[in-house]
Amino acid sequence: MSVREEILQRALELTPDDRAYVADQLEASLPTDSFVDHEIAAAWFEEIERRVEKYDRGESTALGFEEVLENMRQALAARRASS
C-alpha cells in the first residue's frame, strides 16, 4: 500500500467532523486554481440559475447577510455546545 493510500484509509476512519476538517485543510493548502472540476462548476452554475429564476418568479425569498450570519453563528454555537 502506498503512503497516500494509507493516509486515505486512515482518514476514512475518522469521524465525519474530523474528515471535514482534514478535507478543508487539504483544500486550503492547494493553489486556488488547481481544485477546479468543470462538471462541478457547471452543476453549480445550473443550480444558481435555477435559484435565481425561482426568486425572480416570486417562488422563494432571500435573507439578508446579517440574518444569515446570525443563523450560522447560532448553529455553530449549538454544535459546539453538543460536542
Protein backbone atom coordinates (compact mmCIF):
# COMPACT_ATOMS: atom_id res chain seq x y z
CA MET A 1 0.00 0.00 0.00
CA SER A 2 1.40 3.41 -0.95
CA VAL A 3 1.75 6.20 1.60
CA ARG A 4 -1.12 8.16 0.09
CA GLU A 5 -3.39 5.11 0.08
CA GLU A 6 -2.52 4.51 3.73
CA ILE A 7 -3.24 8.14 4.59
CA LEU A 8 -6.56 7.95 2.74
CA GLN A 9 -7.52 4.74 4.53
CA ARG A 10 -6.71 6.24 7.92
CA ALA A 11 -8.57 9.47 7.07
CA LEU A 12 -11.68 7.49 6.11
CA GLU A 13 -11.70 6.01 9.61
CA LEU A 14 -12.11 9.47 11.17
CA THR A 15 -15.42 10.86 12.34
CA PRO A 16 -17.36 12.91 9.79
CA ASP A 17 -16.39 16.15 11.56
CA ASP A 18 -12.71 15.21 11.55
CA ARG A 19 -12.87 14.20 7.88
CA ALA A 20 -14.46 17.56 7.04
CA TYR A 21 -11.69 19.35 8.94
CA VAL A 22 -8.97 17.41 7.10
CA ALA A 23 -10.67 17.99 3.76
CA ASP A 24 -10.94 21.73 4.43
CA GLN A 25 -7.29 21.93 5.43
CA LEU A 26 -6.15 19.99 2.37
CA GLU A 27 -8.28 22.08 0.02
CA ALA A 28 -6.98 25.31 1.60
CA SER A 29 -3.41 24.14 1.03
CA LEU A 30 -3.91 23.81 -2.74
CA PRO A 31 -3.26 26.63 -5.20
CA THR A 32 -6.57 28.36 -5.88
CA ASP A 33 -6.80 27.25 -9.50
CA SER A 34 -5.87 23.59 -9.02
CA PHE A 35 -9.10 22.37 -7.42
CA VAL A 36 -11.35 23.15 -10.36
CA ASP A 37 -13.72 20.49 -11.62
CA HIS A 38 -15.60 21.69 -14.67
CA GLU A 39 -18.53 19.31 -14.06
CA ILE A 40 -18.99 20.66 -10.55
CA ALA A 41 -18.68 24.25 -11.78
CA ALA A 42 -21.31 23.58 -14.45
CA ALA A 43 -23.63 21.96 -11.91
CA TRP A 44 -23.27 24.94 -9.56
CA PHE A 45 -23.95 27.36 -12.42
CA GLU A 46 -27.16 25.48 -13.24
CA GLU A 47 -28.20 25.45 -9.59
CA ILE A 48 -27.55 29.17 -9.23
CA GLU A 49 -29.56 29.89 -12.38
CA ARG A 50 -32.42 27.70 -11.09
CA ARG A 51 -32.48 29.54 -7.77
CA VAL A 52 -32.36 33.00 -9.37
CA GLU A 53 -35.22 32.11 -11.71
CA LYS A 54 -37.26 30.79 -8.78
CA TYR A 55 -36.58 34.02 -6.86
CA ASP A 56 -37.49 36.14 -9.88
CA ARG A 57 -40.84 34.30 -10.18
CA GLY A 58 -41.54 35.06 -6.51
CA GLU A 59 -41.40 31.39 -5.51
CA SER A 60 -38.65 31.92 -2.92
CA THR A 61 -37.37 34.68 -0.70
CA ALA A 62 -33.93 35.90 0.23
CA LEU A 63 -32.40 36.55 3.63
CA GLY A 64 -30.18 39.48 4.46
CA PHE A 65 -26.50 38.95 5.15
CA GLU A 66 -26.79 39.81 8.86
CA GLU A 67 -29.65 37.33 9.32
CA VAL A 68 -27.74 34.56 7.57
CA LEU A 69 -24.62 35.32 9.60
CA GLU A 70 -26.61 35.22 12.86
CA ASN A 71 -28.21 31.90 11.86
CA MET A 72 -24.77 30.47 11.17
CA ARG A 73 -23.43 31.72 14.50
CA GLN A 74 -26.34 30.14 16.36
CA ALA A 75 -25.90 26.83 14.53
CA LEU A 76 -22.17 26.83 15.27
CA ALA A 77 -22.77 27.64 18.95
CA ALA A 78 -25.33 24.82 19.21
CA ARG A 79 -22.96 22.39 17.55
CA ARG A 80 -20.10 23.35 19.86
CA ALA A 81 -22.39 23.01 22.89
CA SER A 82 -23.37 19.49 21.87
CA SER A 83 -19.77 18.33 21.38
